[in-house]
C-alpha atoms as a PDB file:
ATOM      1  CA  MET A   1     -17.433 -79.047-148.943  1.00  0.00           C
ATOM      2  CA  LYS A   2     -15.302 -81.921-148.066  1.00  0.00           C
ATOM      3  CA  ILE A   3     -15.085 -85.224-149.696  1.00  0.00           C
ATOM      4  CA  THR A   4     -13.172 -88.188-147.940  1.00  0.00           C
ATOM      5  CA  ILE A   5     -12.533 -91.472-149.257  1.00  0.00           C
ATOM      6  CA  LEU A   6     -13.451 -94.120-146.987  1.00  0.00           C
ATOM      7  CA  TYR A   7     -13.115 -97.217-149.129  1.00  0.00           C
ATOM      8  CA  ASP A   8     -11.315 -97.848-152.108  1.00  0.00           C
ATOM      9  CA  ASN A   9      -9.048-100.379-153.954  1.00  0.00           C
ATOM     10  CA  TYR A  10      -6.007 -98.068-153.278  1.00  0.00           C
ATOM     11  CA  VAL A  11      -4.705 -96.404-150.183  1.00  0.00           C
ATOM     12  CA  CYS A  12      -3.830 -92.675-149.987  1.00  0.00           C
ATOM     13  CA  ALA A  13      -3.627 -92.255-146.312  1.00  0.00           C
ATOM     14  CA  LYS A  14      -1.299 -94.073-143.876  1.00  0.00           C
ATOM     15  CA  GLY A  15      -3.146 -96.287-141.615  1.00  0.00           C
ATOM     16  CA  THR A  16      -5.983 -97.049-143.909  1.00  0.00           C
ATOM     17  CA  GLN A  17      -6.764-100.434-145.552  1.00  0.00           C
ATOM     18  CA  ALA A  18      -7.530-100.990-149.342  1.00  0.00           C
ATOM     19  CA  ASP A  19      -9.998-103.390-150.667  1.00  0.00           C
ATOM     20  CA  TRP A  20     -12.205-103.749-153.641  1.00  0.00           C
ATOM     21  CA  GLY A  21     -15.191-101.383-153.182  1.00  0.00           C
ATOM     22  CA  PHE A  22     -16.082 -97.837-152.784  1.00  0.00           C
ATOM     23  CA  ALA A  23     -17.251 -95.325-150.213  1.00  0.00           C
ATOM     24  CA  CYS A  24     -17.019 -91.676-149.414  1.00  0.00           C
ATOM     25  CA  LEU A  25     -18.153 -89.296-146.918  1.00  0.00           C
ATOM     26  CA  ILE A  26     -19.526 -85.749-148.147  1.00  0.00           C
ATOM     27  CA  GLU A  27     -19.410 -82.911-145.546  1.00  0.00           C
ATOM     28  CA  GLY A  28     -20.199 -79.188-145.548  1.00  0.00           C
ATOM     29  CA  LEU A  29     -23.670 -79.609-147.261  1.00  0.00           C
ATOM     30  CA  GLN A  30     -26.995 -79.100-145.231  1.00  0.00           C
ATOM     31  CA  LYS A  31     -26.599 -82.640-144.302  1.00  0.00           C
ATOM     32  CA  THR A  32     -23.601 -85.138-144.210  1.00  0.00           C
ATOM     33  CA  ILE A  33     -23.805 -88.018-146.735  1.00  0.00           C
ATOM     34  CA  LEU A  34     -22.239 -91.371-147.040  1.00  0.00           C
ATOM     35  CA  PHE A  35     -22.221 -92.402-150.520  1.00  0.00           C
ATOM     36  CA  ASP A  36     -21.841 -96.199-150.640  1.00  0.00           C
ATOM     37  CA  THR A  37     -20.480 -98.453-147.929  1.00  0.00           C
ATOM     38  CA  GLY A  38     -17.637-100.556-149.554  1.00  0.00           C
ATOM     39  CA  ALA A  39     -17.557-104.439-149.348  1.00  0.00           C
ATOM     40  CA  LYS A  40     -16.591-105.125-145.703  1.00  0.00           C
ATOM     41  CA  GLY A  41     -17.874-103.659-142.566  1.00  0.00           C
ATOM     42  CA  ASP A  42     -14.601-104.258-140.618  1.00  0.00           C
ATOM     43  CA  ILE A  43     -12.531-102.568-143.203  1.00  0.00           C
ATOM     44  CA  LEU A  44     -15.030 -99.614-143.410  1.00  0.00           C
ATOM     45  CA  MET A  45     -15.234 -98.993-139.822  1.00  0.00           C
ATOM     46  CA  HIS A  46     -11.260 -99.434-139.680  1.00  0.00           C
ATOM     47  CA  ASN A  47     -11.055 -96.774-141.935  1.00  0.00           C
ATOM     48  CA  ILE A  48     -13.506 -94.544-140.391  1.00  0.00           C
ATOM     49  CA  LYS A  49     -11.508 -94.764-137.228  1.00  0.00           C
ATOM     50  CA  ALA A  50      -8.316 -94.292-138.698  1.00  0.00           C
ATOM     51  CA  LEU A  51      -9.343 -91.119-140.366  1.00  0.00           C
ATOM     52  CA  ASN A  52     -10.849 -89.651-137.370  1.00  0.00           C
ATOM     53  CA  GLU A  53     -14.267 -89.626-138.730  1.00  0.00           C
ATOM     54  CA  ASP A  54     -17.577 -90.145-136.791  1.00  0.00           C
ATOM     55  CA  ILE A  55     -20.471 -92.216-137.943  1.00  0.00           C
ATOM     56  CA  SER A  56     -22.720 -90.392-135.484  1.00  0.00           C
ATOM     57  CA  LYS A  57     -22.461 -87.276-137.746  1.00  0.00           C
ATOM     58  CA  ILE A  58     -23.827 -89.303-140.975  1.00  0.00           C
ATOM     59  CA  ASP A  59     -27.237 -87.970-141.848  1.00  0.00           C
ATOM     60  CA  LEU A  60     -28.335 -89.829-144.883  1.00  0.00           C
ATOM     61  CA  ILE A  61     -26.776 -92.752-146.984  1.00  0.00           C
ATOM     62  CA  VAL A  62     -26.919 -92.995-150.791  1.00  0.00           C
ATOM     63  CA  ILE A  63     -26.312 -96.433-152.247  1.00  0.00           C
ATOM     64  CA  SER A  64     -25.361 -96.504-156.155  1.00  0.00           C
ATOM     65  CA  HIS A  65     -26.389 -99.986-156.690  1.00  0.00           C
ATOM     66  CA  ASN A  66     -27.042-103.251-155.018  1.00  0.00           C
ATOM     67  CA  HIS A  67     -23.841-105.021-155.427  1.00  0.00           C
ATOM     68  CA  TRP A  68     -21.711-106.408-152.365  1.00  0.00           C
ATOM     69  CA  ASP A  69     -18.761-104.063-152.817  1.00  0.00           C
ATOM     70  CA  HIS A  70     -20.881-101.036-152.369  1.00  0.00           C
ATOM     71  CA  THR A  71     -23.577-102.187-149.639  1.00  0.00           C
ATOM     72  CA  GLY A  72     -21.368-104.580-147.812  1.00  0.00           C
ATOM     73  CA  GLY A  73     -20.528-101.839-144.977  1.00  0.00           C
ATOM     74  CA  LEU A  74     -24.263-100.879-144.716  1.00  0.00           C
ATOM     75  CA  LYS A  75     -25.076-103.162-141.744  1.00  0.00           C
ATOM     76  CA  SER A  76     -22.037-101.989-139.582  1.00  0.00           C
ATOM     77  CA  VAL A  77     -23.017 -98.283-140.147  1.00  0.00           C
ATOM     78  CA  LEU A  78     -26.625 -98.817-139.293  1.00  0.00           C
ATOM     79  CA  ASP A  79     -25.775-100.957-136.268  1.00  0.00           C
ATOM     80  CA  VAL A  80     -24.245 -97.606-134.914  1.00  0.00           C
ATOM     81  CA  LYS A  81     -26.681 -95.248-136.252  1.00  0.00           C
ATOM     82  CA  SER A  82     -29.954 -96.794-137.442  1.00  0.00           C
ATOM     83  CA  LYS A  83     -32.412 -94.038-137.961  1.00  0.00           C
ATOM     84  CA  LEU A  84     -31.001 -92.744-141.106  1.00  0.00           C
ATOM     85  CA  LYS A  85     -32.460 -92.133-144.565  1.00  0.00           C
ATOM     86  CA  VAL A  86     -31.078 -94.694-147.004  1.00  0.00           C
ATOM     87  CA  TYR A  87     -31.519 -93.764-150.796  1.00  0.00           C
ATOM     88  CA  ILE A  88     -31.282 -97.093-152.773  1.00  0.00           C
ATOM     89  CA  PRO A  89     -32.150 -97.984-156.430  1.00  0.00           C
ATOM     90  CA  PHE A  90     -35.787 -98.399-157.176  1.00  0.00           C
ATOM     91  CA  SER A  91     -35.318-101.882-158.566  1.00  0.00           C
ATOM     92  CA  THR A  92     -33.621-103.278-155.547  1.00  0.00           C
ATOM     93  CA  PRO A  93     -35.180-106.527-154.404  1.00  0.00           C
ATOM     94  CA  MET A  94     -37.908-106.070-151.831  1.00  0.00           C
ATOM     95  CA  SER A  95     -36.160-108.516-149.663  1.00  0.00           C
ATOM     96  CA  ASP A  96     -33.135-106.396-149.453  1.00  0.00           C
ATOM     97  CA  LYS A  97     -35.245-103.487-148.676  1.00  0.00           C
ATOM     98  CA  ASP A  98     -36.865-105.078-145.765  1.00  0.00           C
ATOM     99  CA  VAL A  99     -33.326-105.999-144.292  1.00  0.00           C
ATOM    100  CA  ILE A 100     -32.323-102.310-144.386  1.00  0.00           C
ATOM    101  CA  ALA A 101     -35.592-101.294-142.943  1.00  0.00           C
ATOM    102  CA  GLU A 102     -35.437-103.949-140.110  1.00  0.00           C
ATOM    103  CA  THR A 103     -32.552-101.946-138.800  1.00  0.00           C
ATOM    104  CA  GLY A 104     -34.753 -98.711-138.098  1.00  0.00           C
ATOM    105  CA  ALA A 105     -33.634 -97.075-141.112  1.00  0.00           C
ATOM    106  CA  LEU A 106     -36.042 -95.203-143.497  1.00  0.00           C
ATOM    107  CA  VAL A 107     -35.702 -96.740-147.011  1.00  0.00           C
ATOM    108  CA  LEU A 108     -36.190 -94.529-150.116  1.00  0.00           C
ATOM    109  CA  THR A 109     -36.267 -95.420-153.578  1.00  0.00           C
ATOM    110  CA  GLU A 110     -36.258 -93.045-156.576  1.00  0.00           C
ATOM    111  CA  LYS A 111     -36.608 -94.010-160.313  1.00  0.00           C
ATOM    112  CA  GLN A 112     -36.475 -90.518-161.508  1.00  0.00           C
ATOM    113  CA  PRO A 113     -34.047 -87.849-161.092  1.00  0.00           C
ATOM    114  CA  LYS A 114     -34.520 -86.084-157.582  1.00  0.00           C
ATOM    115  CA  GLU A 115     -33.189 -83.389-155.710  1.00  0.00           C
ATOM    116  CA  ILE A 116     -32.866 -84.614-152.208  1.00  0.00           C
ATOM    117  CA  LEU A 117     -31.131 -81.652-150.492  1.00  0.00           C
ATOM    118  CA  ASP A 118     -30.572 -78.083-151.901  1.00  0.00           C
ATOM    119  CA  GLY A 119     -28.270 -78.522-154.686  1.00  0.00           C
ATOM    120  CA  VAL A 120     -27.729 -82.141-154.268  1.00  0.00           C
ATOM    121  CA  TYR A 121     -29.572 -84.660-156.847  1.00  0.00           C
ATOM    122  CA  LEU A 122     -29.849 -88.249-157.830  1.00  0.00           C
ATOM    123  CA  THR A 123     -29.321 -88.978-161.263  1.00  0.00           C
ATOM    124  CA  GLY A 124     -32.510 -91.719-161.085  1.00  0.00           C
ATOM    125  CA  GLU A 125     -32.180 -95.250-161.741  1.00  0.00           C
ATOM    126  CA  MET A 126     -30.076 -95.644-164.875  1.00  0.00           C
ATOM    127  CA  GLY A 127     -28.960 -98.882-166.823  1.00  0.00           C
ATOM    128  CA  ASN A 128     -30.427-101.850-168.396  1.00  0.00           C
ATOM    129  CA  GLU A 129     -29.299-105.131-166.817  1.00  0.00           C
ATOM    130  CA  ILE A 130     -27.624-103.461-163.688  1.00  0.00           C
ATOM    131  CA  LYS A 131     -29.670-100.627-162.387  1.00  0.00           C
ATOM    132  CA  GLU A 132     -27.620 -97.758-160.771  1.00  0.00           C
ATOM    133  CA  GLN A 133     -27.940 -94.213-159.521  1.00  0.00           C
ATOM    134  CA  SER A 134     -25.319 -91.548-159.125  1.00  0.00           C
ATOM    135  CA  LEU A 135     -24.789 -88.426-156.909  1.00  0.00           C
ATOM    136  CA  ILE A 136     -24.789 -84.943-158.369  1.00  0.00           C
ATOM    137  CA  LEU A 137     -23.490 -82.077-156.395  1.00  0.00           C
ATOM    138  CA  ASN A 138     -24.035 -78.493-157.666  1.00  0.00           C
ATOM    139  CA  THR A 139     -21.223 -76.228-156.381  1.00  0.00           C
ATOM    140  CA  THR A 140     -19.844 -72.681-157.312  1.00  0.00           C
ATOM    141  CA  LYS A 141     -17.232 -74.328-159.370  1.00  0.00           C
ATOM    142  CA  GLY A 142     -19.666 -76.397-161.386  1.00  0.00           C
ATOM    143  CA  LEU A 143     -21.054 -80.082-161.005  1.00  0.00           C
ATOM    144  CA  VAL A 144     -19.255 -82.839-158.938  1.00  0.00           C
ATOM    145  CA  VAL A 145     -20.515 -86.037-160.066  1.00  0.00           C
ATOM    146  CA  ILE A 146     -20.007 -89.185-157.955  1.00  0.00           C
ATOM    147  CA  THR A 147     -20.321 -92.714-159.125  1.00  0.00           C
ATOM    148  CA  GLY A 148     -20.066 -96.061-157.634  1.00  0.00           C
ATOM    149  CA  CYS A 149     -19.315 -98.222-160.711  1.00  0.00           C
ATOM    150  CA  SER A 150     -20.838 -96.660-163.663  1.00  0.00           C
ATOM    151  CA  HIS A 151     -22.635 -99.714-164.905  1.00  0.00           C
ATOM    152  CA  PRO A 152     -24.845 -97.671-167.158  1.00  0.00           C
ATOM    153  CA  GLY A 153     -21.668 -95.964-168.796  1.00  0.00           C
ATOM    154  CA  ILE A 154     -19.926 -93.149-167.288  1.00  0.00           C
ATOM    155  CA  VAL A 155     -20.432 -90.809-170.343  1.00  0.00           C
ATOM    156  CA  ASN A 156     -24.131 -91.607-170.189  1.00  0.00           C
ATOM    157  CA  ILE A 157     -24.050 -90.580-166.537  1.00  0.00           C
ATOM    158  CA  LEU A 158     -22.306 -87.495-167.321  1.00  0.00           C
ATOM    159  CA  LYS A 159     -24.703 -86.608-169.869  1.00  0.00           C
ATOM    160  CA  GLN A 160     -27.624 -87.214-167.576  1.00  0.00           C
ATOM    161  CA  ALA A 161     -25.995 -85.026-164.989  1.00  0.00           C
ATOM    162  CA  LYS A 162     -25.876 -82.248-167.307  1.00  0.00           C
ATOM    163  CA  LYS A 163     -29.367 -82.762-168.578  1.00  0.00           C
ATOM    164  CA  ILE A 164     -30.636 -82.612-164.856  1.00  0.00           C
ATOM    165  CA  VAL A 165     -28.570 -79.455-163.919  1.00  0.00           C
ATOM    166  CA  ASN A 166     -27.612 -77.521-167.035  1.00  0.00           C
ATOM    167  CA  LYS A 167     -24.045 -76.597-165.683  1.00  0.00           C
ATOM    168  CA  LYS A 168     -20.527 -77.298-166.568  1.00  0.00           C
ATOM    169  CA  ILE A 169     -18.996 -80.587-164.914  1.00  0.00           C
ATOM    170  CA  HIS A 170     -16.167 -79.658-162.489  1.00  0.00           C
ATOM    171  CA  LEU A 171     -15.198 -82.927-160.977  1.00  0.00           C
ATOM    172  CA  VAL A 172     -16.087 -86.709-161.624  1.00  0.00           C
ATOM    173  CA  ILE A 173     -14.868 -89.184-159.196  1.00  0.00           C
ATOM    174  CA  GLY A 174     -15.524 -92.955-158.289  1.00  0.00           C
ATOM    175  CA  GLY A 175     -15.390 -96.127-160.254  1.00  0.00           C
ATOM    176  CA  PHE A 176     -15.781 -96.041-164.065  1.00  0.00           C
ATOM    177  CA  HIS A 177     -15.859 -99.756-164.743  1.00  0.00           C
ATOM    178  CA  LEU A 178     -13.345 -99.848-167.612  1.00  0.00           C
ATOM    179  CA  HIS A 179     -11.258-102.676-166.304  1.00  0.00           C
ATOM    180  CA  ARG A 180     -12.113-104.802-169.249  1.00  0.00           C
ATOM    181  CA  HIS A 181     -11.894-102.022-171.852  1.00  0.00           C
ATOM    182  CA  SER A 182      -9.388-101.839-174.585  1.00  0.00           C
ATOM    183  CA  ASP A 183      -6.825 -98.701-174.481  1.00  0.00           C
ATOM    184  CA  LYS A 184      -8.688 -97.498-177.554  1.00  0.00           C
ATOM    185  CA  ASP A 185     -12.022 -97.589-175.937  1.00  0.00           C
ATOM    186  CA  VAL A 186     -10.999 -95.723-173.057  1.00  0.00           C
ATOM    187  CA  GLN A 187      -9.339 -93.113-175.034  1.00  0.00           C
ATOM    188  CA  HIS A 188     -12.610 -92.613-176.819  1.00  0.00           C
ATOM    189  CA  ILE A 189     -14.292 -92.188-173.353  1.00  0.00           C
ATOM    190  CA  ILE A 190     -11.595 -89.487-172.529  1.00  0.00           C
ATOM    191  CA  ASP A 191     -12.346 -87.703-175.664  1.00  0.00           C
ATOM    192  CA  GLU A 192     -16.013 -87.673-174.781  1.00  0.00           C
ATOM    193  CA  PHE A 193     -15.126 -86.121-171.274  1.00  0.00           C
ATOM    194  CA  LYS A 194     -13.199 -83.468-172.986  1.00  0.00           C
ATOM    195  CA  SER A 195     -16.218 -82.817-175.272  1.00  0.00           C
ATOM    196  CA  LEU A 196     -18.340 -82.582-172.281  1.00  0.00           C
ATOM    197  CA  GLY A 197     -16.143 -80.106-170.602  1.00  0.00           C
ATOM    198  CA  VAL A 198     -15.194 -82.014-167.417  1.00  0.00           C
ATOM    199  CA  GLU A 199     -12.550 -80.016-165.720  1.00  0.00           C
ATOM    200  CA  GLN A 200     -11.180 -82.598-163.374  1.00  0.00           C
ATOM    201  CA  CYS A 201     -11.248 -86.365-162.910  1.00  0.00           C
ATOM    202  CA  GLY A 202     -10.386 -88.830-160.021  1.00  0.00           C
ATOM    203  CA  CYS A 203     -11.100 -92.244-161.160  1.00  0.00           C
ATOM    204  CA  SER A 204     -10.788 -95.140-158.847  1.00  0.00           C
ATOM    205  CA  HIS A 205     -12.235 -98.675-157.622  1.00  0.00           C
ATOM    206  CA  CYS A 206     -13.267-100.593-160.792  1.00  0.00           C
ATOM    207  CA  THR A 207     -11.787 -98.168-163.464  1.00  0.00           C
ATOM    208  CA  GLY A 208      -8.854-100.308-163.898  1.00  0.00           C
ATOM    209  CA  ASP A 209      -4.938 -99.532-163.739  1.00  0.00           C
ATOM    210  CA  GLU A 210      -4.432 -99.002-167.264  1.00  0.00           C
ATOM    211  CA  ALA A 211      -7.480 -96.902-167.667  1.00  0.00           C
ATOM    212  CA  ILE A 212      -6.433 -94.890-164.864  1.00  0.00           C
ATOM    213  CA  LYS A 213      -3.134 -94.207-166.432  1.00  0.00           C
ATOM    214  CA  LEU A 214      -4.839 -92.938-169.582  1.00  0.00           C
ATOM    215  CA  PHE A 215      -6.897 -90.857-167.779  1.00  0.00           C
ATOM    216  CA  SER A 216      -4.010 -89.368-165.452  1.00  0.00           C
ATOM    217  CA  ASN A 217      -1.873 -88.789-168.687  1.00  0.00           C
ATOM    218  CA  ALA A 218      -5.057 -87.138-170.452  1.00  0.00           C
ATOM    219  CA  PHE A 219      -5.950 -84.895-167.427  1.00  0.00           C
ATOM    220  CA  ALA A 220      -2.307 -84.280-166.197  1.00  0.00           C
ATOM    221  CA  GLU A 221      -2.535 -81.588-163.334  1.00  0.00           C
ATOM    222  CA  SER A 222      -6.454 -81.761-163.394  1.00  0.00           C
ATOM    223  CA  PHE A 223      -6.269 -85.640-162.387  1.00  0.00           C
ATOM    224  CA  ILE A 224      -6.832 -86.518-158.913  1.00  0.00           C
ATOM    225  CA  SER A 225      -5.057 -89.475-157.473  1.00  0.00           C
ATOM    226  CA  MET A 226      -7.604 -91.537-155.288  1.00  0.00           C
ATOM    227  CA  GLY A 227      -7.302 -93.864-152.660  1.00  0.00           C
ATOM    228  CA  THR A 228      -8.581 -94.458-148.984  1.00  0.00           C
ATOM    229  CA  GLY A 229      -8.003 -91.273-146.869  1.00  0.00           C
ATOM    230  CA  LYS A 230      -7.904 -88.885-150.015  1.00  0.00           C
ATOM    231  CA  ILE A 231      -9.444 -85.759-149.022  1.00  0.00           C
ATOM    232  CA  ILE A 232     -11.039 -83.320-151.747  1.00  0.00           C
ATOM    233  CA  GLU A 233     -12.104 -79.895-150.633  1.00  0.00           C
ATOM    234  CA  ILE A 234     -14.417 -77.859-152.924  1.00  0.00           C
ATOM    235  CA  ASP A 235     -16.048 -74.423-152.424  1.00  0.00           C
ATOM    236  CA  ASN A 236     -19.768 -74.850-152.363  1.00  0.00           C
END
């Protein structure tokens, strides 16, 4: 399985552009998944081209939550390949669902946890004010959890993942939404990661520079530096 970061606040590969937002491409499963679409379609398309990726191979899209920095590139993708399954949070306004459906895409909403492919799960809609879903990949190394912004709380998401698939967590990547948290709060969350047995971590996007430094120090060689163009390969 290969995960390629297509959109992020940071740059990893030469020729790609950074911007506030997140998107990644997951290949090597039954189907190729695009998780989130960043903030701007032109930047997403630029990065896809710069990384020699191809929209035509995308089979389905998962949107973590209905915020501009995760949905902004969706129309650009659907303009190229419209007849895709798009999983969005259950509470997404009907007007937004209709806009997606008008492109020819099949809009799917899941409130509860669901296995959408063999070994690929949605956490179900989580959170109170901001509803969000995350993606769980069941691999031979353990669970890979991919988050958008972690508005429901990154620790809550990890606990939900372990509840859905009773297995160790190998890797967590995405935005952790800690840019306004104190160092003390971030350290507490890192301690929770350790208690949950998280083996590797790659936080980015809205995590915040200071929080990323703390995670990097805590996980040392098990920390993965993120950014557009970063490729993570994991045995299925």
